[in-house]
Amino acid sequence: VVLKQVAIRLNQCMRESDTVARLGGDEFAAILPRPGGSQEEIAKIAQRILDHFKQPFKPLGYERQVGISIGIASVTKFEFSIEDLLHQADKAMYRAKEDGRNCYRFASED
C-alpha cells in the first residue's frame, strides 16, 4: 500500500513530459527529458520531490514517515549507456543516504 502511495506522490511531482518507474523494491527512477538544462533547475525538481515527502503517509489509517534519498545523474555527452547512467545515479543516491537521507546528491564528474 505504501509503495503505491509513493508512486502516486512521485507522479504528482513530475511534469507531463517526465517518466517515473519502479526499479524494484523501494527504488524508483525518473527520466526528465528536458529539465531545463541547468543543475539549478534539476535541483528545484529534486527539492519539490523532497517537499512532497515531508507529509506522512497514512496506509490503512496508520501514519508512516517515509525517508527519501535522491541520486541525480545527467547526460552530458551524446554517447552513454543506460546502465552507466543508472550506476552513476545509484552512487549519488548512496551518498545522499550517507549524508543523512532526505536529500539529493548529483553524480560527480569523476
N, C-alpha and C. Protein backbone atom coordinates (compact mmCIF):
# COMPACT_ATOMS: atom_id res chain seq x y z
N VAL A 1 0.83 -1.19 0.00
CA VAL A 1 0.00 0.00 0.00
C VAL A 1 0.87 1.26 0.00
N VAL A 2 1.93 1.26 0.81
CA VAL A 2 2.79 2.44 0.89
C VAL A 2 3.51 2.68 -0.45
N LEU A 3 3.99 1.60 -1.09
CA LEU A 3 4.68 1.78 -2.37
C LEU A 3 3.77 2.39 -3.42
N LYS A 4 2.50 2.02 -3.41
CA LYS A 4 1.55 2.62 -4.35
C LYS A 4 1.39 4.11 -4.06
N GLN A 5 1.31 4.45 -2.78
CA GLN A 5 1.18 5.86 -2.40
C GLN A 5 2.44 6.64 -2.76
N VAL A 6 3.61 6.01 -2.62
CA VAL A 6 4.87 6.64 -3.01
C VAL A 6 4.86 6.93 -4.50
N ALA A 7 4.43 5.95 -5.29
CA ALA A 7 4.38 6.14 -6.75
C ALA A 7 3.43 7.27 -7.12
N ILE A 8 2.30 7.33 -6.48
CA ILE A 8 1.33 8.40 -6.75
C ILE A 8 1.94 9.76 -6.41
N ARG A 9 2.59 9.83 -5.26
CA ARG A 9 3.18 11.10 -4.84
C ARG A 9 4.31 11.52 -5.78
N LEU A 10 5.12 10.57 -6.20
CA LEU A 10 6.19 10.89 -7.15
C LEU A 10 5.62 11.43 -8.45
N ASN A 11 4.58 10.79 -8.95
CA ASN A 11 3.96 11.25 -10.19
C ASN A 11 3.38 12.66 -10.05
N GLN A 12 2.92 13.01 -8.86
CA GLN A 12 2.39 14.35 -8.63
C GLN A 12 3.47 15.43 -8.73
N CYS A 13 4.72 15.03 -8.51
CA CYS A 13 5.84 15.97 -8.55
C CYS A 13 6.37 16.19 -9.96
N MET A 14 6.02 15.32 -10.86
CA MET A 14 6.59 15.33 -12.20
C MET A 14 5.79 16.17 -13.17
N ARG A 15 6.46 16.54 -14.24
CA ARG A 15 5.80 17.23 -15.33
C ARG A 15 5.23 16.20 -16.29
N GLU A 16 4.42 16.64 -17.20
CA GLU A 16 3.79 15.72 -18.15
C GLU A 16 4.81 14.98 -19.01
N SER A 17 5.93 15.62 -19.30
CA SER A 17 6.95 15.00 -20.15
C SER A 17 7.86 14.02 -19.41
N ASP A 18 7.76 13.94 -18.08
CA ASP A 18 8.62 13.09 -17.27
C ASP A 18 8.05 11.68 -17.13
N THR A 19 8.92 10.74 -16.81
CA THR A 19 8.51 9.35 -16.61
C THR A 19 9.07 8.86 -15.28
N VAL A 20 8.25 8.17 -14.51
CA VAL A 20 8.67 7.56 -13.25
C VAL A 20 8.44 6.06 -13.36
N ALA A 21 9.42 5.27 -12.91
CA ALA A 21 9.29 3.82 -12.95
C ALA A 21 9.87 3.23 -11.68
N ARG A 22 9.25 2.17 -11.22
CA ARG A 22 9.78 1.44 -10.07
C ARG A 22 10.81 0.45 -10.59
N LEU A 23 12.03 0.52 -10.05
CA LEU A 23 13.10 -0.38 -10.48
C LEU A 23 13.03 -1.71 -9.75
N GLY A 24 12.49 -1.70 -8.56
CA GLY A 24 12.41 -2.90 -7.74
C GLY A 24 12.51 -2.50 -6.29
N GLY A 25 11.94 -3.32 -5.42
CA GLY A 25 11.97 -2.99 -4.00
C GLY A 25 11.39 -1.62 -3.77
N ASP A 26 12.16 -0.77 -3.12
CA ASP A 26 11.69 0.59 -2.85
C ASP A 26 12.46 1.62 -3.66
N GLU A 27 13.01 1.20 -4.81
CA GLU A 27 13.77 2.11 -5.65
C GLU A 27 12.97 2.50 -6.89
N PHE A 28 12.98 3.80 -7.16
CA PHE A 28 12.29 4.36 -8.32
C PHE A 28 13.29 5.16 -9.13
N ALA A 29 13.02 5.30 -10.41
CA ALA A 29 13.84 6.13 -11.29
C ALA A 29 12.91 7.10 -12.01
N ALA A 30 13.43 8.29 -12.26
CA ALA A 30 12.67 9.28 -13.01
C ALA A 30 13.52 9.73 -14.19
N ILE A 31 12.88 9.83 -15.32
CA ILE A 31 13.55 10.34 -16.52
C ILE A 31 12.93 11.69 -16.83
N LEU A 32 13.78 12.71 -16.85
CA LEU A 32 13.34 14.07 -17.13
C LEU A 32 13.98 14.49 -18.44
N PRO A 33 13.25 14.38 -19.56
CA PRO A 33 13.86 14.62 -20.86
C PRO A 33 14.37 16.04 -21.08
N ARG A 34 13.72 17.01 -20.50
CA ARG A 34 14.17 18.39 -20.65
C ARG A 34 13.97 19.15 -19.34
N PRO A 35 14.84 18.90 -18.38
CA PRO A 35 14.65 19.52 -17.06
C PRO A 35 14.94 21.01 -17.01
N GLY A 36 15.39 21.58 -18.08
CA GLY A 36 15.74 22.99 -18.06
C GLY A 36 17.21 23.16 -18.33
N GLY A 37 17.94 22.06 -18.29
CA GLY A 37 19.33 22.09 -18.65
C GLY A 37 20.30 22.39 -17.53
N SER A 38 19.93 23.24 -16.61
CA SER A 38 20.89 23.63 -15.57
C SER A 38 20.73 22.77 -14.32
N GLN A 39 21.80 22.71 -13.56
CA GLN A 39 21.76 21.97 -12.31
C GLN A 39 20.75 22.60 -11.35
N GLU A 40 20.58 23.89 -11.43
CA GLU A 40 19.63 24.59 -10.56
C GLU A 40 18.20 24.14 -10.85
N GLU A 41 17.87 23.99 -12.13
CA GLU A 41 16.52 23.53 -12.49
C GLU A 41 16.28 22.10 -12.02
N ILE A 42 17.29 21.26 -12.19
CA ILE A 42 17.17 19.87 -11.74
C ILE A 42 17.05 19.83 -10.22
N ALA A 43 17.81 20.67 -9.52
CA ALA A 43 17.74 20.74 -8.06
C ALA A 43 16.36 21.17 -7.60
N LYS A 44 15.71 22.08 -8.32
CA LYS A 44 14.35 22.51 -7.97
C LYS A 44 13.37 21.35 -8.03
N ILE A 45 13.51 20.52 -9.04
CA ILE A 45 12.63 19.35 -9.16
C ILE A 45 12.89 18.38 -8.02
N ALA A 46 14.16 18.13 -7.73
CA ALA A 46 14.50 17.23 -6.62
C ALA A 46 13.97 17.77 -5.29
N GLN A 47 14.08 19.07 -5.08
CA GLN A 47 13.57 19.66 -3.84
C GLN A 47 12.06 19.56 -3.77
N ARG A 48 11.37 19.70 -4.90
CA ARG A 48 9.92 19.55 -4.92
C ARG A 48 9.53 18.14 -4.49
N ILE A 49 10.29 17.14 -4.93
CA ILE A 49 10.02 15.76 -4.51
C ILE A 49 10.23 15.63 -3.00
N LEU A 50 11.34 16.14 -2.50
CA LEU A 50 11.62 16.07 -1.06
C LEU A 50 10.51 16.74 -0.26
N ASP A 51 10.04 17.89 -0.71
CA ASP A 51 8.98 18.61 -0.01
C ASP A 51 7.68 17.81 0.02
N HIS A 52 7.36 17.13 -1.08
CA HIS A 52 6.14 16.30 -1.13
C HIS A 52 6.20 15.13 -0.15
N PHE A 53 7.41 14.69 0.17
CA PHE A 53 7.56 13.53 1.05
C PHE A 53 7.68 13.91 2.52
N LYS A 54 7.60 15.20 2.83
CA LYS A 54 7.62 15.62 4.24
C LYS A 54 6.32 15.23 4.95
N GLN A 55 5.23 15.22 4.19
CA GLN A 55 3.94 14.83 4.77
C GLN A 55 3.92 13.31 4.97
N PRO A 56 3.48 12.84 6.13
CA PRO A 56 3.45 11.39 6.36
C PRO A 56 2.42 10.69 5.48
N PHE A 57 2.64 9.43 5.26
CA PHE A 57 1.69 8.58 4.56
C PHE A 57 0.75 7.98 5.59
N LYS A 58 -0.45 7.63 5.17
CA LYS A 58 -1.42 7.07 6.10
C LYS A 58 -2.05 5.80 5.53
N PRO A 59 -1.22 4.75 5.35
CA PRO A 59 -1.79 3.50 4.84
C PRO A 59 -2.60 2.81 5.92
N LEU A 60 -3.79 2.40 5.55
CA LEU A 60 -4.66 1.67 6.46
C LEU A 60 -4.89 2.42 7.77
N GLY A 61 -4.82 3.74 7.73
CA GLY A 61 -5.11 4.56 8.90
C GLY A 61 -3.92 4.79 9.82
N TYR A 62 -2.78 4.18 9.53
CA TYR A 62 -1.59 4.37 10.37
C TYR A 62 -0.65 5.35 9.71
N GLU A 63 -0.15 6.29 10.49
CA GLU A 63 0.74 7.31 9.95
C GLU A 63 2.16 6.76 9.84
N ARG A 64 2.77 6.95 8.65
CA ARG A 64 4.14 6.48 8.41
C ARG A 64 4.93 7.59 7.73
N GLN A 65 6.11 7.84 8.24
CA GLN A 65 7.01 8.79 7.59
C GLN A 65 7.93 7.99 6.68
N VAL A 66 8.13 8.46 5.48
CA VAL A 66 8.99 7.78 4.50
C VAL A 66 10.19 8.67 4.22
N GLY A 67 11.36 8.10 4.39
CA GLY A 67 12.59 8.82 4.06
C GLY A 67 12.89 8.64 2.58
N ILE A 68 13.54 9.62 2.01
CA ILE A 68 13.84 9.56 0.59
C ILE A 68 15.25 10.07 0.35
N SER A 69 15.97 9.37 -0.49
CA SER A 69 17.32 9.79 -0.90
C SER A 69 17.33 9.81 -2.41
N ILE A 70 17.80 10.91 -2.99
CA ILE A 70 17.75 11.09 -4.43
C ILE A 70 19.17 11.20 -4.98
N GLY A 71 19.46 10.36 -5.96
CA GLY A 71 20.71 10.42 -6.70
C GLY A 71 20.42 10.92 -8.09
N ILE A 72 21.19 11.89 -8.55
CA ILE A 72 20.93 12.51 -9.85
C ILE A 72 22.13 12.33 -10.76
N ALA A 73 21.87 11.79 -11.94
CA ALA A 73 22.89 11.69 -12.99
C ALA A 73 22.30 12.30 -14.24
N SER A 74 23.09 13.08 -14.93
CA SER A 74 22.58 13.70 -16.15
C SER A 74 23.47 13.35 -17.33
N VAL A 75 22.88 13.39 -18.48
CA VAL A 75 23.60 13.09 -19.71
C VAL A 75 24.29 14.36 -20.17
N THR A 76 25.61 14.30 -20.25
CA THR A 76 26.35 15.47 -20.71
C THR A 76 27.05 15.19 -22.03
N LYS A 77 27.01 13.94 -22.47
CA LYS A 77 27.63 13.56 -23.73
C LYS A 77 26.58 12.86 -24.57
N PHE A 78 26.83 12.77 -25.86
CA PHE A 78 25.88 12.10 -26.73
C PHE A 78 25.96 10.59 -26.61
N GLU A 79 27.11 10.06 -26.24
CA GLU A 79 27.25 8.62 -26.12
C GLU A 79 27.24 8.22 -24.65
N PHE A 80 26.30 7.38 -24.28
CA PHE A 80 26.20 6.88 -22.92
C PHE A 80 25.36 5.61 -22.96
N SER A 81 25.48 4.83 -21.91
CA SER A 81 24.59 3.66 -21.81
C SER A 81 23.65 3.91 -20.63
N ILE A 82 22.49 3.36 -20.74
CA ILE A 82 21.50 3.48 -19.66
C ILE A 82 22.07 2.87 -18.38
N GLU A 83 22.79 1.76 -18.51
CA GLU A 83 23.38 1.11 -17.34
C GLU A 83 24.36 2.04 -16.63
N ASP A 84 25.20 2.73 -17.41
CA ASP A 84 26.15 3.68 -16.82
C ASP A 84 25.43 4.82 -16.11
N LEU A 85 24.39 5.33 -16.74
CA LEU A 85 23.63 6.43 -16.15
C LEU A 85 22.97 6.00 -14.84
N LEU A 86 22.36 4.82 -14.84
CA LEU A 86 21.73 4.31 -13.60
C LEU A 86 22.78 4.05 -12.53
N HIS A 87 23.93 3.55 -12.93
CA HIS A 87 25.01 3.29 -11.97
C HIS A 87 25.47 4.59 -11.31
N GLN A 88 25.63 5.65 -12.10
CA GLN A 88 26.04 6.94 -11.55
C GLN A 88 24.97 7.51 -10.61
N ALA A 89 23.70 7.39 -11.00
CA ALA A 89 22.61 7.86 -10.14
C ALA A 89 22.57 7.06 -8.84
N ASP A 90 22.83 5.76 -8.94
CA ASP A 90 22.83 4.90 -7.76
C ASP A 90 23.95 5.30 -6.79
N LYS A 91 25.12 5.58 -7.32
CA LYS A 91 26.23 6.03 -6.47
C LYS A 91 25.89 7.34 -5.78
N ALA A 92 25.26 8.26 -6.50
CA ALA A 92 24.87 9.54 -5.91
C ALA A 92 23.80 9.33 -4.84
N MET A 93 22.88 8.39 -5.07
CA MET A 93 21.84 8.11 -4.08
C MET A 93 22.46 7.58 -2.78
N TYR A 94 23.46 6.70 -2.90
CA TYR A 94 24.09 6.18 -1.69
C TYR A 94 24.85 7.28 -0.94
N ARG A 95 25.39 8.26 -1.66
CA ARG A 95 26.00 9.41 -0.98
C ARG A 95 24.93 10.20 -0.24
N ALA A 96 23.75 10.34 -0.83
CA ALA A 96 22.65 11.04 -0.14
C ALA A 96 22.25 10.29 1.12
N LYS A 97 22.22 8.97 1.05
CA LYS A 97 21.89 8.17 2.24
C LYS A 97 22.96 8.36 3.32
N GLU A 98 24.22 8.35 2.92
CA GLU A 98 25.32 8.54 3.87
C GLU A 98 25.26 9.92 4.51
N ASP A 99 24.75 10.90 3.78
CA ASP A 99 24.67 12.27 4.29
C ASP A 99 23.42 12.52 5.12
N GLY A 100 22.70 11.47 5.47
CA GLY A 100 21.59 11.61 6.39
C GLY A 100 20.20 11.44 5.81
N ARG A 101 20.09 11.08 4.56
CA ARG A 101 18.81 10.86 3.89
C ARG A 101 18.01 12.16 3.76
N ASN A 102 16.87 12.04 3.09
CA ASN A 102 16.00 13.20 2.85
C ASN A 102 16.77 14.35 2.21
N CYS A 103 17.62 13.99 1.24
CA CYS A 103 18.37 14.98 0.49
C CYS A 103 18.67 14.42 -0.90
N TYR A 104 19.28 15.23 -1.74
CA TYR A 104 19.66 14.76 -3.07
C TYR A 104 21.14 15.06 -3.26
N ARG A 105 21.75 14.26 -4.13
CA ARG A 105 23.14 14.47 -4.49
C ARG A 105 23.29 14.24 -5.98
N PHE A 106 24.15 15.01 -6.60
CA PHE A 106 24.47 14.85 -8.00
C PHE A 106 25.63 13.88 -8.16
N ALA A 107 25.62 13.12 -9.24
CA ALA A 107 26.77 12.27 -9.54
C ALA A 107 27.96 13.17 -9.82
N SER A 108 29.12 12.75 -9.35
CA SER A 108 30.31 13.58 -9.54
C SER A 108 30.88 13.32 -10.94
N GLU A 109 31.64 14.25 -11.42
CA GLU A 109 32.24 14.14 -12.75
C GLU A 109 33.25 13.01 -12.82
N ASP A 110 33.93 12.71 -11.72
CA ASP A 110 34.91 11.63 -11.72
C ASP A 110 34.23 10.37 -11.29
